[in-house]
PDB file of N, CA and C in Angstrom:
ATOM      1  N   MET A   1     -71.676   9.110 -54.861  1.00  0.00           N
ATOM      2  CA  MET A   1     -71.834  10.370 -55.544  1.00  0.00           C
ATOM      3  C   MET A   1     -70.449  10.916 -55.900  1.00  0.00           C
ATOM      4  N   SER A   2     -70.439  11.920 -56.717  1.00  0.00           N
ATOM      5  CA  SER A   2     -69.177  12.465 -57.193  1.00  0.00           C
ATOM      6  C   SER A   2     -69.190  13.983 -57.108  1.00  0.00           C
ATOM      7  N   THR A   3     -68.013  14.543 -57.171  1.00  0.00           N
ATOM      8  CA  THR A   3     -67.869  15.993 -57.212  1.00  0.00           C
ATOM      9  C   THR A   3     -67.004  16.352 -58.409  1.00  0.00           C
ATOM     10  N   THR A   4     -66.954  17.626 -58.732  1.00  0.00           N
ATOM     11  CA  THR A   4     -66.102  18.042 -59.852  1.00  0.00           C
ATOM     12  C   THR A   4     -64.635  17.737 -59.556  1.00  0.00           C
ATOM     13  N   THR A   5     -64.241  17.799 -58.281  1.00  0.00           N
ATOM     14  CA  THR A   5     -62.857  17.454 -57.922  1.00  0.00           C
ATOM     15  C   THR A   5     -62.588  15.985 -58.193  1.00  0.00           C
ATOM     16  N   ASP A   6     -63.542  15.103 -57.842  1.00  0.00           N
ATOM     17  CA  ASP A   6     -63.393  13.669 -58.118  1.00  0.00           C
ATOM     18  C   ASP A   6     -63.252  13.420 -59.620  1.00  0.00           C
ATOM     19  N   ILE A   7     -64.042  14.113 -60.402  1.00  0.00           N
ATOM     20  CA  ILE A   7     -64.009  13.923 -61.846  1.00  0.00           C
ATOM     21  C   ILE A   7     -62.678  14.403 -62.421  1.00  0.00           C
ATOM     22  N   ARG A   8     -62.194  15.533 -61.980  1.00  0.00           N
ATOM     23  CA  ARG A   8     -60.879  16.009 -62.448  1.00  0.00           C
ATOM     24  C   ARG A   8     -59.790  14.999 -62.089  1.00  0.00           C
ATOM     25  N   HIS A   9     -59.874  14.435 -60.888  1.00  0.00           N
ATOM     26  CA  HIS A   9     -58.912  13.417 -60.454  1.00  0.00           C
ATOM     27  C   HIS A   9     -58.982  12.187 -61.358  1.00  0.00           C
ATOM     28  N   PHE A  10     -60.177  11.789 -61.750  1.00  0.00           N
ATOM     29  CA  PHE A  10     -60.378  10.649 -62.652  1.00  0.00           C
ATOM     30  C   PHE A  10     -59.547  10.821 -63.925  1.00  0.00           C
ATOM     31  N   TYR A  11     -59.640  11.980 -64.556  1.00  0.00           N
ATOM     32  CA  TYR A  11     -58.907  12.203 -65.808  1.00  0.00           C
ATOM     33  C   TYR A  11     -57.407  12.349 -65.568  1.00  0.00           C
ATOM     34  N   GLN A  12     -57.007  12.852 -64.426  1.00  0.00           N
ATOM     35  CA  GLN A  12     -55.574  12.910 -64.093  1.00  0.00           C
ATOM     36  C   GLN A  12     -54.996  11.503 -63.989  1.00  0.00           C
ATOM     37  N   LEU A  13     -55.760  10.583 -63.410  1.00  0.00           N
ATOM     38  CA  LEU A  13     -55.299   9.199 -63.335  1.00  0.00           C
ATOM     39  C   LEU A  13     -55.105   8.616 -64.724  1.00  0.00           C
ATOM     40  N   ILE A  14     -56.036   8.883 -65.626  1.00  0.00           N
ATOM     41  CA  ILE A  14     -55.894   8.396 -67.007  1.00  0.00           C
ATOM     42  C   ILE A  14     -54.653   9.010 -67.641  1.00  0.00           C
ATOM     43  N   ASP A  15     -54.510  10.319 -67.523  1.00  0.00           N
ATOM     44  CA  ASP A  15     -53.401  11.018 -68.177  1.00  0.00           C
ATOM     45  C   ASP A  15     -52.037  10.595 -67.639  1.00  0.00           C
ATOM     46  N   HIS A  16     -51.983  10.149 -66.389  1.00  0.00           N
ATOM     47  CA  HIS A  16     -50.720   9.722 -65.788  1.00  0.00           C
ATOM     48  C   HIS A  16     -50.571   8.202 -65.766  1.00  0.00           C
ATOM     49  N   ASP A  17     -51.448   7.507 -66.514  1.00  0.00           N
ATOM     50  CA  ASP A  17     -51.371   6.052 -66.681  1.00  0.00           C
ATOM     51  C   ASP A  17     -51.367   5.320 -65.337  1.00  0.00           C
ATOM     52  N   GLN A  18     -52.188   5.768 -64.415  1.00  0.00           N
ATOM     53  CA  GLN A  18     -52.299   5.139 -63.103  1.00  0.00           C
ATOM     54  C   GLN A  18     -53.512   4.204 -63.105  1.00  0.00           C
ATOM     55  N   VAL A  19     -53.335   3.076 -63.771  1.00  0.00           N
ATOM     56  CA  VAL A  19     -54.436   2.160 -64.057  1.00  0.00           C
ATOM     57  C   VAL A  19     -55.017   1.545 -62.780  1.00  0.00           C
ATOM     58  N   THR A  20     -54.186   1.124 -61.865  1.00  0.00           N
ATOM     59  CA  THR A  20     -54.701   0.491 -60.650  1.00  0.00           C
ATOM     60  C   THR A  20     -55.621   1.428 -59.887  1.00  0.00           C
ATOM     61  N   GLU A  21     -55.193   2.677 -59.721  1.00  0.00           N
ATOM     62  CA  GLU A  21     -56.009   3.655 -59.015  1.00  0.00           C
ATOM     63  C   GLU A  21     -57.282   3.968 -59.795  1.00  0.00           C
ATOM     64  N   LEU A  22     -57.164   4.048 -61.121  1.00  0.00           N
ATOM     65  CA  LEU A  22     -58.321   4.311 -61.974  1.00  0.00           C
ATOM     66  C   LEU A  22     -59.360   3.206 -61.826  1.00  0.00           C
ATOM     67  N   VAL A  23     -58.937   1.970 -61.939  1.00  0.00           N
ATOM     68  CA  VAL A  23     -59.856   0.836 -61.840  1.00  0.00           C
ATOM     69  C   VAL A  23     -60.533   0.818 -60.473  1.00  0.00           C
ATOM     70  N   GLY A  24     -59.834   1.255 -59.432  1.00  0.00           N
ATOM     71  CA  GLY A  24     -60.396   1.295 -58.096  1.00  0.00           C
ATOM     72  C   GLY A  24     -61.540   2.273 -57.927  1.00  0.00           C
ATOM     73  N   LEU A  25     -61.719   3.195 -58.883  1.00  0.00           N
ATOM     74  CA  LEU A  25     -62.833   4.139 -58.836  1.00  0.00           C
ATOM     75  C   LEU A  25     -64.136   3.533 -59.338  1.00  0.00           C
ATOM     76  N   PHE A  26     -64.061   2.331 -59.907  1.00  0.00           N
ATOM     77  CA  PHE A  26     -65.212   1.674 -60.514  1.00  0.00           C
ATOM     78  C   PHE A  26     -65.756   0.564 -59.624  1.00  0.00           C
ATOM     79  N   ALA A  27     -67.057   0.364 -59.694  1.00  0.00           N
ATOM     80  CA  ALA A  27     -67.704  -0.771 -59.025  1.00  0.00           C
ATOM     81  C   ALA A  27     -67.282  -2.063 -59.720  1.00  0.00           C
ATOM     82  N   ALA A  28     -67.337  -3.165 -58.996  1.00  0.00           N
ATOM     83  CA  ALA A  28     -66.916  -4.457 -59.545  1.00  0.00           C
ATOM     84  C   ALA A  28     -67.715  -4.849 -60.787  1.00  0.00           C
ATOM     85  N   ASP A  29     -68.990  -4.465 -60.857  1.00  0.00           N
ATOM     86  CA  ASP A  29     -69.848  -4.855 -61.982  1.00  0.00           C
ATOM     87  C   ASP A  29     -70.021  -3.721 -62.996  1.00  0.00           C
ATOM     88  N   LEU A  30     -69.016  -2.863 -63.103  1.00  0.00           N
ATOM     89  CA  LEU A  30     -69.078  -1.702 -64.003  1.00  0.00           C
ATOM     90  C   LEU A  30     -69.402  -2.092 -65.437  1.00  0.00           C
ATOM     91  N   CYS A  31     -69.912  -1.112 -66.173  1.00  0.00           N
ATOM     92  CA  CYS A  31     -70.139  -1.242 -67.610  1.00  0.00           C
ATOM     93  C   CYS A  31     -69.631   0.030 -68.273  1.00  0.00           C
ATOM     94  N   TYR A  32     -68.684  -0.110 -69.198  1.00  0.00           N
ATOM     95  CA  TYR A  32     -68.106   1.038 -69.898  1.00  0.00           C
ATOM     96  C   TYR A  32     -68.367   0.876 -71.389  1.00  0.00           C
ATOM     97  N   HIS A  33     -69.099   1.807 -71.955  1.00  0.00           N
ATOM     98  CA  HIS A  33     -69.385   1.825 -73.388  1.00  0.00           C
ATOM     99  C   HIS A  33     -68.493   2.866 -74.045  1.00  0.00           C
ATOM    100  N   ARG A  34     -67.727   2.428 -75.044  1.00  0.00           N
ATOM    101  CA  ARG A  34     -66.785   3.292 -75.748  1.00  0.00           C
ATOM    102  C   ARG A  34     -66.882   2.974 -77.235  1.00  0.00           C
ATOM    103  N   PRO A  35     -66.983   3.994 -78.095  1.00  0.00           N
ATOM    104  CA  PRO A  35     -67.116   3.727 -79.527  1.00  0.00           C
ATOM    105  C   PRO A  35     -65.984   2.847 -80.061  1.00  0.00           C
ATOM    106  N   GLY A  36     -66.380   1.870 -80.883  1.00  0.00           N
ATOM    107  CA  GLY A  36     -65.408   1.002 -81.528  1.00  0.00           C
ATOM    108  C   GLY A  36     -65.013  -0.225 -80.727  1.00  0.00           C
ATOM    109  N   PHE A  37     -65.555  -0.387 -79.535  1.00  0.00           N
ATOM    110  CA  PHE A  37     -65.234  -1.522 -78.681  1.00  0.00           C
ATOM    111  C   PHE A  37     -66.522  -2.126 -78.144  1.00  0.00           C
ATOM    112  N   PRO A  38     -66.520  -3.439 -77.893  1.00  0.00           N
ATOM    113  CA  PRO A  38     -67.683  -4.001 -77.198  1.00  0.00           C
ATOM    114  C   PRO A  38     -67.713  -3.436 -75.780  1.00  0.00           C
ATOM    115  N   PRO A  39     -68.877  -3.446 -75.139  1.00  0.00           N
ATOM    116  CA  PRO A  39     -68.926  -2.939 -73.762  1.00  0.00           C
ATOM    117  C   PRO A  39     -67.920  -3.664 -72.870  1.00  0.00           C
ATOM    118  N   LEU A  40     -67.255  -2.898 -72.034  1.00  0.00           N
ATOM    119  CA  LEU A  40     -66.331  -3.475 -71.056  1.00  0.00           C
ATOM    120  C   LEU A  40     -67.133  -3.705 -69.780  1.00  0.00           C
ATOM    121  N   ILE A  41     -67.142  -4.940 -69.312  1.00  0.00           N
ATOM    122  CA  ILE A  41     -67.914  -5.313 -68.135  1.00  0.00           C
ATOM    123  C   ILE A  41     -66.945  -5.804 -67.061  1.00  0.00           C
ATOM    124  N   GLY A  42     -66.968  -5.173 -65.910  1.00  0.00           N
ATOM    125  CA  GLY A  42     -66.138  -5.605 -64.790  1.00  0.00           C
ATOM    126  C   GLY A  42     -64.746  -4.990 -64.805  1.00  0.00           C
ATOM    127  N   ARG A  43     -64.134  -5.036 -63.641  1.00  0.00           N
ATOM    128  CA  ARG A  43     -62.814  -4.418 -63.461  1.00  0.00           C
ATOM    129  C   ARG A  43     -61.725  -5.095 -64.279  1.00  0.00           C
ATOM    130  N   ASP A  44     -61.788  -6.429 -64.446  1.00  0.00           N
ATOM    131  CA  ASP A  44     -60.747  -7.119 -65.213  1.00  0.00           C
ATOM    132  C   ASP A  44     -60.718  -6.649 -66.658  1.00  0.00           C
ATOM    133  N   GLN A  45     -61.893  -6.509 -67.282  1.00  0.00           N
ATOM    134  CA  GLN A  45     -61.936  -6.035 -68.663  1.00  0.00           C
ATOM    135  C   GLN A  45     -61.482  -4.577 -68.759  1.00  0.00           C
ATOM    136  N   LEU A  46     -61.860  -3.769 -67.783  1.00  0.00           N
ATOM    137  CA  LEU A  46     -61.435  -2.372 -67.791  1.00  0.00           C
ATOM    138  C   LEU A  46     -59.914  -2.278 -67.675  1.00  0.00           C
ATOM    139  N   ARG A  47     -59.347  -3.024 -66.742  1.00  0.00           N
ATOM    140  CA  ARG A  47     -57.882  -3.024 -66.575  1.00  0.00           C
ATOM    141  C   ARG A  47     -57.194  -3.471 -67.860  1.00  0.00           C
ATOM    142  N   HIS A  48     -57.684  -4.554 -68.456  1.00  0.00           N
ATOM    143  CA  HIS A  48     -57.087  -5.064 -69.695  1.00  0.00           C
ATOM    144  C   HIS A  48     -57.139  -3.996 -70.794  1.00  0.00           C
ATOM    145  N   PHE A  49     -58.260  -3.309 -70.897  1.00  0.00           N
ATOM    146  CA  PHE A  49     -58.382  -2.262 -71.912  1.00  0.00           C
ATOM    147  C   PHE A  49     -57.299  -1.194 -71.725  1.00  0.00           C
ATOM    148  N   TYR A  50     -57.163  -0.676 -70.522  1.00  0.00           N
ATOM    149  CA  TYR A  50     -56.195   0.405 -70.292  1.00  0.00           C
ATOM    150  C   TYR A  50     -54.750  -0.071 -70.377  1.00  0.00           C
ATOM    151  N   GLU A  51     -54.485  -1.328 -70.081  1.00  0.00           N
ATOM    152  CA  GLU A  51     -53.114  -1.825 -70.143  1.00  0.00           C
ATOM    153  C   GLU A  51     -52.726  -2.357 -71.521  1.00  0.00           C
ATOM    154  N   HIS A  52     -53.727  -2.785 -72.352  1.00  0.00           N
ATOM    155  CA  HIS A  52     -53.378  -3.455 -73.601  1.00  0.00           C
ATOM    156  C   HIS A  52     -54.106  -2.945 -74.846  1.00  0.00           C
ATOM    157  N   ASP A  53     -55.366  -2.550 -74.725  1.00  0.00           N
ATOM    158  CA  ASP A  53     -56.180  -2.285 -75.912  1.00  0.00           C
ATOM    159  C   ASP A  53     -56.394  -0.817 -76.232  1.00  0.00           C
ATOM    160  N   ARG A  54     -56.208   0.058 -75.278  1.00  0.00           N
ATOM    161  CA  ARG A  54     -56.466   1.477 -75.518  1.00  0.00           C
ATOM    162  C   ARG A  54     -55.549   1.969 -76.636  1.00  0.00           C
ATOM    163  N   PRO A  55     -56.121   2.558 -77.693  1.00  0.00           N
ATOM    164  CA  PRO A  55     -55.306   2.977 -78.837  1.00  0.00           C
ATOM    165  C   PRO A  55     -54.409   4.182 -78.536  1.00  0.00           C
ATOM    166  N   ILE A  56     -54.601   4.809 -77.395  1.00  0.00           N
ATOM    167  CA  ILE A  56     -53.838   6.007 -77.048  1.00  0.00           C
ATOM    168  C   ILE A  56     -52.638   5.615 -76.188  1.00  0.00           C
ATOM    169  N   ARG A  57     -51.459   6.111 -76.573  1.00  0.00           N
ATOM    170  CA  ARG A  57     -50.257   5.866 -75.780  1.00  0.00           C
ATOM    171  C   ARG A  57     -50.148   6.866 -74.635  1.00  0.00           C
ATOM    172  N   SER A  58     -50.357   8.140 -74.960  1.00  0.00           N
ATOM    173  CA  SER A  58     -50.233   9.178 -73.933  1.00  0.00           C
ATOM    174  C   SER A  58     -51.014  10.400 -74.377  1.00  0.00           C
ATOM    175  N   GLY A  59     -51.289  11.274 -73.409  1.00  0.00           N
ATOM    176  CA  GLY A  59     -51.986  12.498 -73.754  1.00  0.00           C
ATOM    177  C   GLY A  59     -52.564  13.175 -72.531  1.00  0.00           C
ATOM    178  N   ARG A  60     -53.348  14.204 -72.811  1.00  0.00           N
ATOM    179  CA  ARG A  60     -53.903  15.011 -71.729  1.00  0.00           C
ATOM    180  C   ARG A  60     -55.340  15.403 -72.051  1.00  0.00           C
ATOM    181  N   HIS A  61     -56.197  15.255 -71.055  1.00  0.00           N
ATOM    182  CA  HIS A  61     -57.582  15.705 -71.150  1.00  0.00           C
ATOM    183  C   HIS A  61     -57.682  17.135 -70.617  1.00  0.00           C
ATOM    184  N   THR A  62     -58.431  17.957 -71.309  1.00  0.00           N
ATOM    185  CA  THR A  62     -58.765  19.297 -70.828  1.00  0.00           C
ATOM    186  C   THR A  62     -60.274  19.338 -70.679  1.00  0.00           C
ATOM    187  N   LEU A  63     -60.737  19.569 -69.453  1.00  0.00           N
ATOM    188  CA  LEU A  63     -62.169  19.556 -69.187  1.00  0.00           C
ATOM    189  C   LEU A  63     -62.726  20.961 -69.316  1.00  0.00           C
ATOM    190  N   THR A  64     -63.809  21.092 -70.095  1.00  0.00           N
ATOM    191  CA  THR A  64     -64.424  22.404 -70.316  1.00  0.00           C
ATOM    192  C   THR A  64     -65.797  22.522 -69.684  1.00  0.00           C
ATOM    193  N   GLY A  65     -66.358  21.401 -69.258  1.00  0.00           N
ATOM    194  CA  GLY A  65     -67.665  21.434 -68.601  1.00  0.00           C
ATOM    195  C   GLY A  65     -67.899  20.189 -67.781  1.00  0.00           C
ATOM    196  N   ILE A  66     -68.380  20.380 -66.564  1.00  0.00           N
ATOM    197  CA  ILE A  66     -68.716  19.267 -65.673  1.00  0.00           C
ATOM    198  C   ILE A  66     -70.055  19.597 -65.014  1.00  0.00           C
ATOM    199  N   VAL A  67     -70.992  18.657 -65.114  1.00  0.00           N
ATOM    200  CA  VAL A  67     -72.275  18.811 -64.449  1.00  0.00           C
ATOM    201  C   VAL A  67     -72.492  17.565 -63.599  1.00  0.00           C
ATOM    202  N   VAL A  68     -72.687  17.773 -62.294  1.00  0.00           N
ATOM    203  CA  VAL A  68     -72.955  16.674 -61.374  1.00  0.00           C
ATOM    204  C   VAL A  68     -74.363  16.846 -60.844  1.00  0.00           C
ATOM    205  N   ASP A  69     -75.151  15.762 -60.920  1.00  0.00           N
ATOM    206  CA  ASP A  69     -76.521  15.794 -60.425  1.00  0.00           C
ATOM    207  C   ASP A  69     -76.794  14.485 -59.700  1.00  0.00           C
ATOM    208  N   GLY A  70     -76.648  14.491 -58.392  1.00  0.00           N
ATOM    209  CA  GLY A  70     -76.885  13.277 -57.618  1.00  0.00           C
ATOM    210  C   GLY A  70     -75.918  12.190 -58.005  1.00  0.00           C
ATOM    211  N   ALA A  71     -76.446  11.079 -58.488  1.00  0.00           N
ATOM    212  CA  ALA A  71     -75.639   9.914 -58.828  1.00  0.00           C
ATOM    213  C   ALA A  71     -75.222   9.878 -60.286  1.00  0.00           C
ATOM    214  N   THR A  72     -75.296  11.004 -60.972  1.00  0.00           N
ATOM    215  CA  THR A  72     -74.864  11.067 -62.373  1.00  0.00           C
ATOM    216  C   THR A  72     -73.977  12.287 -62.584  1.00  0.00           C
ATOM    217  N   ALA A  73     -73.151  12.207 -63.619  1.00  0.00           N
ATOM    218  CA  ALA A  73     -72.286  13.331 -63.989  1.00  0.00           C
ATOM    219  C   ALA A  73     -72.098  13.322 -65.496  1.00  0.00           C
ATOM    220  N   ALA A  74     -71.937  14.509 -66.059  1.00  0.00           N
ATOM    221  CA  ALA A  74     -71.653  14.679 -67.479  1.00  0.00           C
ATOM    222  C   ALA A  74     -70.419  15.557 -67.608  1.00  0.00           C
ATOM    223  N   VAL A  75     -69.550  15.193 -68.546  1.00  0.00           N
ATOM    224  CA  VAL A  75     -68.294  15.906 -68.741  1.00  0.00           C
ATOM    225  C   VAL A  75     -68.115  16.182 -70.224  1.00  0.00           C
ATOM    226  N   HIS A  76     -67.612  17.373 -70.540  1.00  0.00           N
ATOM    227  CA  HIS A  76     -67.281  17.746 -71.914  1.00  0.00           C
ATOM    228  C   HIS A  76     -65.860  18.265 -71.894  1.00  0.00           C
ATOM    229  N   GLY A  77     -65.106  17.921 -72.915  1.00  0.00           N
ATOM    230  CA  GLY A  77     -63.734  18.409 -72.958  1.00  0.00           C
ATOM    231  C   GLY A  77     -63.049  18.049 -74.254  1.00  0.00           C
ATOM    232  N   SER A  78     -61.727  18.143 -74.211  1.00  0.00           N
ATOM    233  CA  SER A  78     -60.921  17.792 -75.383  1.00  0.00           C
ATOM    234  C   SER A  78     -59.728  16.958 -74.933  1.00  0.00           C
ATOM    235  N   PHE A  79     -59.178  16.251 -75.876  1.00  0.00           N
ATOM    236  CA  PHE A  79     -58.021  15.404 -75.618  1.00  0.00           C
ATOM    237  C   PHE A  79     -56.978  15.679 -76.695  1.00  0.00           C
ATOM    238  N   THR A  80     -55.727  15.767 -76.294  1.00  0.00           N
ATOM    239  CA  THR A  80     -54.613  15.816 -77.239  1.00  0.00           C
ATOM    240  C   THR A  80     -53.564  14.823 -76.769  1.00  0.00           C
ATOM    241  N   GLY A  81     -52.990  14.108 -77.708  1.00  0.00           N
ATOM    242  CA  GLY A  81     -51.984  13.127 -77.332  1.00  0.00           C
ATOM    243  C   GLY A  81     -51.429  12.399 -78.526  1.00  0.00           C
ATOM    244  N   THR A  82     -50.933  11.185 -78.256  1.00  0.00           N
ATOM    245  CA  THR A  82     -50.281  10.359 -79.267  1.00  0.00           C
ATOM    246  C   THR A  82     -50.871   8.953 -79.222  1.00  0.00           C
ATOM    247  N   LEU A  83     -51.176   8.430 -80.395  1.00  0.00           N
ATOM    248  CA  LEU A  83     -51.667   7.059 -80.494  1.00  0.00           C
ATOM    249  C   LEU A  83     -50.497   6.084 -80.389  1.00  0.00           C
ATOM    250  N   ARG A  84     -50.802   4.819 -80.182  1.00  0.00           N
ATOM    251  CA  ARG A  84     -49.755   3.792 -80.066  1.00  0.00           C
ATOM    252  C   ARG A  84     -48.918   3.663 -81.339  1.00  0.00           C
ATOM    253  N   ASP A  85     -49.486   4.057 -82.477  1.00  0.00           N
ATOM    254  CA  ASP A  85     -48.738   3.982 -83.742  1.00  0.00           C
ATOM    255  C   ASP A  85     -48.020   5.302 -84.059  1.00  0.00           C
ATOM    256  N   ASP A  86     -47.867   6.157 -83.064  1.00  0.00           N
ATOM    257  CA  ASP A  86     -47.141   7.435 -83.140  1.00  0.00           C
ATOM    258  C   ASP A  86     -47.879   8.557 -83.855  1.00  0.00           C
ATOM    259  N   ARG A  87     -49.093   8.324 -84.308  1.00  0.00           N
ATOM    260  CA  ARG A  87     -49.863   9.413 -84.910  1.00  0.00           C
ATOM    261  C   ARG A  87     -50.390  10.325 -83.820  1.00  0.00           C
ATOM    262  N   PRO A  88     -50.496  11.616 -84.114  1.00  0.00           N
ATOM    263  CA  PRO A  88     -51.081  12.528 -83.130  1.00  0.00           C
ATOM    264  C   PRO A  88     -52.592  12.292 -83.019  1.00  0.00           C
ATOM    265  N   ALA A  89     -53.131  12.559 -81.843  1.00  0.00           N
ATOM    266  CA  ALA A  89     -54.569  12.430 -81.614  1.00  0.00           C
ATOM    267  C   ALA A  89     -55.065  13.731 -80.999  1.00  0.00           C
ATOM    268  N   GLY A  90     -56.201  14.163 -81.454  1.00  0.00           N
ATOM    269  CA  GLY A  90     -56.822  15.339 -80.882  1.00  0.00           C
ATOM    270  C   GLY A  90     -58.299  15.330 -81.227  1.00  0.00           C
ATOM    271  N   HIS A  91     -59.145  15.402 -80.214  1.00  0.00           N
ATOM    272  CA  HIS A  91     -60.579  15.392 -80.457  1.00  0.00           C
ATOM    273  C   HIS A  91     -61.322  15.921 -79.232  1.00  0.00           C
ATOM    274  N   ARG A  92     -62.554  16.270 -79.452  1.00  0.00           N
ATOM    275  CA  ARG A  92     -63.449  16.624 -78.355  1.00  0.00           C
ATOM    276  C   ARG A  92     -64.183  15.364 -77.917  1.00  0.00           C
ATOM    277  N   PHE A  93     -64.635  15.355 -76.666  1.00  0.00           N
ATOM    278  CA  PHE A  93     -65.339  14.191 -76.161  1.00  0.00           C
ATOM    279  C   PHE A  93     -66.420  14.623 -75.171  1.00  0.00           C
ATOM    280  N   ALA A  94     -67.331  13.702 -74.909  1.00  0.00           N
ATOM    281  CA  ALA A  94     -68.322  13.847 -73.847  1.00  0.00           C
ATOM    282  C   ALA A  94     -68.400  12.504 -73.123  1.00  0.00           C
ATOM    283  N   ASP A  95     -68.434  12.561 -71.805  1.00  0.00           N
ATOM    284  CA  ASP A  95     -68.554  11.370 -70.971  1.00  0.00           C
ATOM    285  C   ASP A  95     -69.752  11.523 -70.054  1.00  0.00           C
ATOM    286  N   PHE A  96     -70.419  10.410 -69.803  1.00  0.00           N
ATOM    287  CA  PHE A  96     -71.548  10.374 -68.884  1.00  0.00           C
ATOM    288  C   PHE A  96     -71.298   9.250 -67.879  1.00  0.00           C
ATOM    289  N   PHE A  97     -71.437   9.558 -66.594  1.00  0.00           N
ATOM    290  CA  PHE A  97     -71.141   8.626 -65.520  1.00  0.00           C
ATOM    291  C   PHE A  97     -72.375   8.381 -64.659  1.00  0.00           C
ATOM    292  N   SER A  98     -72.469   7.156 -64.129  1.00  0.00           N
ATOM    293  CA  SER A  98     -73.438   6.814 -63.093  1.00  0.00           C
ATOM    294  C   SER A  98     -72.652   6.241 -61.926  1.00  0.00           C
ATOM    295  N   TYR A  99     -73.122   6.542 -60.709  1.00  0.00           N
ATOM    296  CA  TYR A  99     -72.430   6.130 -59.489  1.00  0.00           C
ATOM    297  C   TYR A  99     -73.361   5.332 -58.592  1.00  0.00           C
ATOM    298  N   ASP A 100     -72.760   4.429 -57.795  1.00  0.00           N
ATOM    299  CA  ASP A 100     -73.552   3.708 -56.797  1.00  0.00           C
ATOM    300  C   ASP A 100     -73.542   4.484 -55.479  1.00  0.00           C
ATOM    301  N   ASP A 101     -74.180   3.934 -54.464  1.00  0.00           N
ATOM    302  CA  ASP A 101     -74.286   4.622 -53.176  1.00  0.00           C
ATOM    303  C   ASP A 101     -72.931   4.810 -52.493  1.00  0.00           C
ATOM    304  N   ALA A 102     -71.949   3.993 -52.850  1.00  0.00           N
ATOM    305  CA  ALA A 102     -70.606   4.108 -52.272  1.00  0.00           C
ATOM    306  C   ALA A 102     -69.747   5.121 -53.026  1.00  0.00           C
ATOM    307  N   GLY A 103     -70.284   5.689 -54.114  1.00  0.00           N
ATOM    308  CA  GLY A 103     -69.529   6.656 -54.898  1.00  0.00           C
ATOM    309  C   GLY A 103     -68.656   6.046 -55.969  1.00  0.00           C
ATOM    310  N   LEU A 104     -68.829   4.742 -56.229  1.00  0.00           N
ATOM    311  CA  LEU A 104     -68.063   4.077 -57.282  1.00  0.00           C
ATOM    312  C   LEU A 104     -68.801   4.194 -58.610  1.00  0.00           C
ATOM    313  N   ILE A 105     -68.046   4.273 -59.679  1.00  0.00           N
ATOM    314  CA  ILE A 105     -68.623   4.397 -61.020  1.00  0.00           C
ATOM    315  C   ILE A 105     -69.200   3.053 -61.440  1.00  0.00           C
ATOM    316  N   THR A 106     -70.476   3.045 -61.798  1.00  0.00           N
ATOM    317  CA  THR A 106     -71.127   1.820 -62.272  1.00  0.00           C
ATOM    318  C   THR A 106     -71.247   1.793 -63.784  1.00  0.00           C
ATOM    319  N   ARG A 107     -71.268   2.966 -64.394  1.00  0.00           N
ATOM    320  CA  ARG A 107     -71.402   3.044 -65.846  1.00  0.00           C
ATOM    321  C   ARG A 107     -70.703   4.300 -66.351  1.00  0.00           C
ATOM    322  N   ARG A 108     -70.028   4.128 -67.492  1.00  0.00           N
ATOM    323  CA  ARG A 108     -69.421   5.258 -68.198  1.00  0.00           C
ATOM    324  C   ARG A 108     -69.751   5.091 -69.671  1.00  0.00           C
ATOM    325  N   ASP A 109     -70.245   6.156 -70.276  1.00  0.00           N
ATOM    326  CA  ASP A 109     -70.515   6.188 -71.708  1.00  0.00           C
ATOM    327  C   ASP A 109     -69.698   7.318 -72.299  1.00  0.00           C
ATOM    328  N   THR A 110     -68.843   6.993 -73.266  1.00  0.00           N
ATOM    329  CA  THR A 110     -67.962   7.977 -73.900  1.00  0.00           C
ATOM    330  C   THR A 110     -68.399   8.211 -75.339  1.00  0.00           C
ATOM    331  N   PHE A 111     -68.375   9.468 -75.751  1.00  0.00           N
ATOM    332  CA  PHE A 111     -68.669   9.859 -77.128  1.00  0.00           C
ATOM    333  C   PHE A 111     -67.545  10.753 -77.621  1.00  0.00           C
ATOM    334  N   PHE A 112     -67.104  10.524 -78.871  1.00  0.00           N
ATOM    335  CA  PHE A 112     -66.039  11.324 -79.470  1.00  0.00           C
ATOM    336  C   PHE A 112     -66.585  12.144 -80.619  1.00  0.00           C
ATOM    337  N   PHE A 113     -66.092  13.342 -80.776  1.00  0.00           N
ATOM    338  CA  PHE A 113     -66.435  14.202 -81.893  1.00  0.00           C
ATOM    339  C   PHE A 113     -65.363  14.045 -82.954  1.00  0.00           C
ATOM    340  N   VAL A 114     -65.513  13.015 -83.805  1.00  0.00           N
ATOM    341  CA  VAL A 114     -64.562  12.728 -84.861  1.00  0.00           C
ATOM    342  C   VAL A 114     -65.327  12.385 -86.136  1.00  0.00           C
ATOM    343  N   PRO A 115     -64.695  12.598 -87.296  1.00  0.00           N
ATOM    344  CA  PRO A 115     -65.356  12.228 -88.545  1.00  0.00           C
ATOM    345  C   PRO A 115     -65.554  10.713 -88.645  1.00  0.00           C
ATOM    346  N   LEU A 116     -66.691  10.313 -89.177  1.00  0.00           N
ATOM    347  CA  LEU A 116     -66.961   8.880 -89.348  1.00  0.00           C
ATOM    348  C   LEU A 116     -66.640   8.388 -90.741  1.00  0.00           C
ATOM    349  N   VAL A 117     -66.503   9.276 -91.681  1.00  0.00           N
ATOM    350  CA  VAL A 117     -66.234   8.852 -93.046  1.00  0.00           C
ATOM    351  C   VAL A 117     -64.991   9.517 -93.555  1.00  0.00           C
TER     352      VAL A 117
END
């Protein structure tokens, strides 16, 4: 299970590029769905994404809403930062998490509020 403190810590790890600690929050058989990428399955794919494929170089998440209900959590917020090609990035997002009995993340689904056309 998770708490709002755990969720805030999750985004701090992302913002401070602490990939090893971030990956440790996930179950070995995790599934992460993110727009524009095939599903990431397992810790190795997740680590590779954050170390090599993530289009964001740096930035900060601001959380505006967190709802925890048993083994699930929903988060709403915004992100501002810089892409790997030096362009600025800023968008709203929503994340949905599922947890196992040990409190590890088994699934994450991310949605971005950005123009598609």
